Amino acid sequence: MSEVRTRVVPGQLPVAYPELWSAPPRGPVLVLAPHQDDETFGCGGAILLHRAQGDPVSVHFVTKGDRGDPNGHYSGEDYVALRETEARKACRILGVEEVEFYGLPDGFFEAREDRVLPLSKRIREAVEAARPGTVYYPWIGEAHPDHFAVASAVERVAAGLSGVAFLGYELWSACLPSAVLDVSAVFARKVEAARVYASQLRYTDYVPVGIGLMTYRSLYLKNRGATHGEAFVQFEPPARAPRRSFLARMLGGRG
């Protein structure tokens, strides 16, 4: 697989065509999901393909999903436990047994930067422990505040690491992809995992939305006979400004 680059800024240069992948990168995988179901809708196809090629995968859920029942349909149940049960079942369908729950409340970010820093520390510890070759997380352009918070925390970690590919997946907000992965062969299995999340589908049936997004992404893969794809944005640290010379710093000029 050749190197994947982040997109250029629209309006300045033509947007680069994404790389087209028939298989994901090889090696251990860590998936970071803001809520229970984001792992399936965001990169469930990639997870299935990783497992098919023998890659170990672990999924870490950041929030406990406690605000996911605003109408109180499950008021007589342990709702957080219900969502955890759904997540474990969906992950088993995806071929994943290793899951972890951080237990942060829904809406933990709420525009507070100080809440991102402890999450970054937790994520760094998880990456150092798992030693993955690839980390999947929501891409930084996500409109949902929890998705954005997780992305911000992950990219703080990614900026200080090398040798790990950080791939952002799309959920609420379509991305300008660095790569599009053909998930046609595992499409039905991904949909099966998505339908496990009955507590969420009771409010909004996200399954047709997810199918529509995968079908749209197959546009890049039509000449390969693909029917469904998943899109990803690879993180790259921002370019550092060149250091000025000692004389330039002293004189206040540019060096």
Protein backbone atom coordinates (compact mmCIF):
# COMPACT_ATOMS: atom_id res chain seq x y z
CA MET A 1 0.00 0.00 0.00
CA SER A 2 1.44 3.38 -0.92
CA GLU A 3 1.40 6.34 1.41
CA VAL A 4 -1.91 8.06 2.07
CA ARG A 5 -1.97 11.84 2.35
CA THR A 6 -4.51 14.13 3.95
CA ARG A 7 -6.68 16.17 1.63
CA VAL A 8 -5.63 19.57 0.37
CA VAL A 9 -7.78 22.55 1.28
CA PRO A 10 -10.79 22.82 -1.07
CA GLY A 11 -10.70 25.96 -3.16
CA GLN A 12 -6.91 26.16 -3.26
CA LEU A 13 -6.09 23.02 -5.25
CA PRO A 14 -8.12 20.18 -6.71
CA VAL A 15 -9.00 17.64 -4.05
CA ALA A 16 -6.76 14.59 -4.45
CA TYR A 17 -8.42 11.35 -5.52
CA PRO A 18 -8.50 8.83 -2.66
CA GLU A 19 -6.54 5.63 -2.67
CA LEU A 20 -8.69 2.58 -3.36
CA TRP A 21 -8.18 -0.35 -1.03
CA SER A 22 -9.34 -3.93 -1.49
CA ALA A 23 -8.04 -4.77 2.00
CA PRO A 24 -7.16 -2.73 5.09
CA PRO A 25 -3.60 -2.32 6.42
CA ARG A 26 -2.27 -5.43 8.13
CA GLY A 27 -1.45 -5.60 11.82
CA PRO A 28 -3.07 -5.07 15.24
CA VAL A 29 -5.99 -2.64 15.37
CA LEU A 30 -7.45 -0.33 18.01
CA VAL A 31 -10.90 1.16 17.38
CA LEU A 32 -12.06 4.17 19.41
CA ALA A 33 -15.81 4.69 19.39
CA PRO A 34 -17.54 7.64 21.10
CA HIS A 35 -20.77 5.64 21.57
CA GLN A 36 -21.96 2.07 21.32
CA ASP A 37 -22.75 1.62 17.60
CA ASP A 38 -20.20 4.10 16.20
CA GLU A 39 -17.66 1.31 15.72
CA THR A 40 -20.09 -0.64 13.53
CA PHE A 41 -21.46 2.21 11.44
CA GLY A 42 -18.09 3.95 11.15
CA CYS A 43 -15.68 1.13 10.38
CA GLY A 44 -17.51 -2.18 10.84
CA GLY A 45 -16.53 -3.31 7.36
CA ALA A 46 -12.87 -2.58 8.03
CA ILE A 47 -13.07 -4.48 11.33
CA LEU A 48 -14.53 -7.53 9.58
CA LEU A 49 -11.84 -7.44 6.91
CA HIS A 50 -9.10 -7.05 9.52
CA ARG A 51 -10.41 -10.10 11.36
CA ALA A 52 -10.65 -12.06 8.09
CA GLN A 53 -6.95 -11.50 7.50
CA GLY A 54 -6.10 -12.48 11.07
CA ASP A 55 -5.44 -9.05 12.57
CA PRO A 56 -6.22 -8.70 16.31
CA VAL A 57 -8.80 -5.97 16.96
CA SER A 58 -9.85 -4.30 20.20
CA VAL A 59 -12.71 -1.80 20.50
CA HIS A 60 -12.80 0.90 23.19
CA PHE A 61 -16.06 2.76 23.87
CA VAL A 62 -15.57 6.23 25.32
CA THR A 63 -19.04 7.12 26.65
CA LYS A 64 -21.59 4.94 28.39
CA GLY A 65 -24.45 6.14 26.18
CA ASP A 66 -26.54 7.31 29.12
CA ARG A 67 -28.39 10.02 27.16
CA GLY A 68 -29.50 7.69 24.39
CA ASP A 69 -33.02 7.17 25.77
CA PRO A 70 -34.52 10.69 26.04
CA ASN A 71 -38.12 9.41 25.97
CA GLY A 72 -37.56 6.89 28.74
CA HIS A 73 -38.50 3.78 26.78
CA TYR A 74 -36.08 1.78 28.92
CA SER A 75 -36.68 3.54 32.24
CA GLY A 76 -37.35 0.25 34.02
CA GLU A 77 -34.05 -1.26 32.92
CA ASP A 78 -30.37 -0.66 33.54
CA TYR A 79 -29.99 1.30 30.33
CA VAL A 80 -26.22 1.62 30.44
CA ALA A 81 -25.93 -2.15 30.91
CA LEU A 82 -28.32 -2.67 27.99
CA ARG A 83 -26.13 -0.61 25.70
CA GLU A 84 -23.05 -2.48 26.86
CA THR A 85 -24.76 -5.79 26.11
CA GLU A 86 -25.68 -4.59 22.63
CA ALA A 87 -22.11 -3.46 22.03
CA ARG A 88 -20.62 -6.79 23.08
CA LYS A 89 -23.05 -8.68 20.83
CA ALA A 90 -22.37 -6.41 17.84
CA CYS A 91 -18.63 -6.75 18.36
CA ARG A 92 -18.91 -10.54 18.46
CA ILE A 93 -20.65 -10.42 15.07
CA LEU A 94 -17.73 -8.30 13.85
CA GLY A 95 -15.36 -10.94 15.19
CA VAL A 96 -14.15 -8.91 18.18
CA GLU A 97 -14.10 -10.15 21.76
CA GLU A 98 -11.71 -7.60 23.27
CA VAL A 99 -13.77 -4.56 24.27
CA GLU A 100 -13.33 -1.87 26.91
CA PHE A 101 -15.71 0.76 28.26
CA TYR A 102 -14.34 4.07 29.57
CA GLY A 103 -17.69 5.03 31.10
CA LEU A 104 -17.64 8.77 30.41
CA PRO A 105 -21.08 10.45 30.33
CA ASP A 106 -22.71 11.41 27.05
CA GLY A 107 -22.02 15.04 26.27
CA PHE A 108 -18.80 14.92 28.27
CA PHE A 109 -17.12 17.50 26.04
CA GLU A 110 -19.60 20.39 25.99
CA ALA A 111 -16.99 22.75 24.55
CA ARG A 112 -14.66 22.29 27.54
CA GLU A 113 -11.07 21.85 26.46
CA ASP A 114 -9.99 20.64 29.90
CA ARG A 115 -12.03 17.46 29.41
CA VAL A 116 -10.12 16.50 26.28
CA LEU A 117 -6.76 16.36 28.05
CA PRO A 118 -7.58 13.49 30.46
CA LEU A 119 -9.16 11.56 27.59
CA SER A 120 -5.99 12.04 25.54
CA LYS A 121 -4.00 10.57 28.41
CA ARG A 122 -6.30 7.54 28.55
CA ILE A 123 -6.07 7.05 24.80
CA ARG A 124 -2.28 7.35 24.83
CA GLU A 125 -2.14 4.63 27.50
CA ALA A 126 -4.43 2.44 25.40
CA VAL A 127 -2.29 2.90 22.29
CA GLU A 128 0.91 2.18 24.21
CA ALA A 129 -0.62 -0.96 25.71
CA ALA A 130 -2.16 -2.30 22.48
CA ARG A 131 0.73 -1.27 20.22
CA PRO A 132 -1.55 -1.18 17.15
CA GLY A 133 -0.48 -0.65 13.60
CA THR A 134 -3.77 1.13 12.88
CA VAL A 135 -6.09 3.22 15.05
CA TYR A 136 -9.61 4.00 13.86
CA TYR A 137 -11.46 6.98 15.31
CA PRO A 138 -14.09 9.55 14.20
CA TRP A 139 -12.61 12.01 11.75
CA ILE A 140 -12.01 15.54 13.03
CA GLY A 141 -14.76 17.08 10.89
CA GLU A 142 -17.60 15.31 12.72
CA ALA A 143 -20.47 17.63 13.69
CA HIS A 144 -21.50 15.65 16.79
CA PRO A 145 -19.70 17.17 19.83
CA ASP A 146 -18.79 13.80 21.38
CA HIS A 147 -17.40 12.57 18.06
CA PHE A 148 -15.38 15.77 17.71
CA ALA A 149 -14.11 15.52 21.29
CA VAL A 150 -12.84 11.98 20.74
CA ALA A 151 -11.22 13.02 17.46
CA SER A 152 -9.52 15.97 19.17
CA ALA A 153 -8.21 13.75 21.95
CA VAL A 154 -6.94 11.13 19.51
CA GLU A 155 -5.17 13.65 17.32
CA ARG A 156 -3.34 15.09 20.32
CA VAL A 157 -1.93 11.61 20.80
CA ALA A 158 -1.32 11.00 17.09
CA ALA A 159 0.74 14.18 16.76
CA GLY A 160 3.34 12.76 19.12
CA LEU A 161 3.58 9.25 17.70
CA SER A 162 5.14 7.67 14.66
CA GLY A 163 4.74 4.26 13.12
CA VAL A 164 0.97 4.13 13.70
CA ALA A 165 -1.66 4.90 11.07
CA PHE A 166 -4.54 6.95 12.49
CA LEU A 167 -7.58 6.62 10.22
CA GLY A 168 -10.64 8.79 10.79
CA TYR A 169 -14.01 7.29 9.88
CA GLU A 170 -17.19 9.18 9.01
CA LEU A 171 -20.53 9.03 10.85
CA TRP A 172 -22.63 12.20 10.91
CA SER A 173 -20.44 14.23 8.57
CA ALA A 174 -19.10 13.02 5.23
CA CYS A 175 -15.35 13.43 4.84
CA LEU A 176 -12.99 14.14 1.97
CA PRO A 177 -11.41 10.70 2.02
CA SER A 178 -7.77 9.75 1.88
CA ALA A 179 -8.78 6.18 1.13
CA VAL A 180 -11.90 4.21 0.29
CA LEU A 181 -12.06 0.56 1.31
CA ASP A 182 -14.14 -1.99 -0.59
CA VAL A 183 -16.39 -3.64 2.02
CA SER A 184 -18.78 -5.32 -0.44
CA ALA A 185 -17.83 -8.82 0.72
CA VAL A 186 -18.68 -8.10 4.36
CA PHE A 187 -21.57 -5.69 3.82
CA ALA A 188 -24.31 -8.09 4.99
CA ARG A 189 -22.38 -8.97 8.15
CA LYS A 190 -21.89 -5.29 8.98
CA VAL A 191 -25.63 -4.65 8.60
CA GLU A 192 -26.33 -7.63 10.85
CA ALA A 193 -24.12 -6.10 13.55
CA ALA A 194 -25.77 -2.69 13.12
CA ARG A 195 -29.24 -4.14 13.68
CA VAL A 196 -28.18 -5.38 17.12
CA TYR A 197 -28.46 -1.80 18.41
CA ALA A 198 -32.23 -1.93 18.93
CA SER A 199 -32.15 0.71 21.67
CA GLN A 200 -30.85 3.27 19.18
CA LEU A 201 -32.75 2.11 16.13
CA ARG A 202 -35.98 2.54 18.11
CA TYR A 203 -35.42 6.28 17.84
CA THR A 204 -33.81 6.52 14.41
CA ASP A 205 -33.26 3.73 11.93
CA TYR A 206 -29.65 4.45 11.08
CA VAL A 207 -29.29 1.29 9.03
CA PRO A 208 -30.64 2.75 5.73
CA VAL A 209 -28.49 5.83 6.33
CA GLY A 210 -25.41 3.66 6.78
CA ILE A 211 -26.24 1.62 3.72
CA GLY A 212 -26.72 4.80 1.71
CA LEU A 213 -23.33 6.15 2.79
CA MET A 214 -21.59 2.88 1.92
CA THR A 215 -23.36 2.79 -1.43
CA TYR A 216 -22.30 6.37 -2.11
CA ARG A 217 -18.69 5.54 -1.29
CA SER A 218 -18.77 2.67 -3.79
CA LEU A 219 -18.85 5.35 -6.49
CA TYR A 220 -15.04 5.38 -6.34
CA LEU A 221 -14.95 1.58 -6.69
CA LYS A 222 -17.49 0.98 -9.47
CA ASN A 223 -14.85 -0.02 -12.00
CA ARG A 224 -13.89 -2.81 -9.60
CA GLY A 225 -17.43 -4.12 -9.39
CA ALA A 226 -17.84 -3.02 -5.77
CA THR A 227 -21.23 -2.26 -4.25
CA HIS A 228 -20.24 -0.76 -0.88
CA GLY A 229 -17.29 1.14 0.56
CA GLU A 230 -16.05 2.85 3.72
CA ALA A 231 -14.14 6.13 3.59
CA PHE A 232 -11.25 7.20 5.82
CA VAL A 233 -9.07 10.25 6.40
CA GLN A 234 -5.51 9.60 7.50
CA PHE A 235 -4.20 11.96 10.15
CA GLU A 236 -1.00 13.81 9.48
CA PRO A 237 0.51 16.23 12.00
CA PRO A 238 0.47 19.87 10.91
CA ALA A 239 3.68 21.05 9.33
CA ARG A 240 5.88 22.88 11.75
CA ALA A 241 6.99 26.39 10.90
CA PRO A 242 10.73 26.58 10.17
CA ARG A 243 12.81 27.78 13.10
CA ARG A 244 14.22 31.26 12.80
CA SER A 245 17.91 31.85 13.21
CA PHE A 246 19.27 33.27 16.45
CA LEU A 247 20.09 36.57 14.73
CA ALA A 248 16.63 36.85 13.23
CA ARG A 249 15.01 36.21 16.63
CA MET A 250 17.18 38.88 18.21
CA LEU A 251 16.36 41.43 15.51
CA GLY A 252 12.68 40.50 15.29
CA GLY A 253 12.96 39.68 11.63
CA ARG A 254 12.55 36.52 9.63
CA GLY A 255 15.26 33.96 9.33
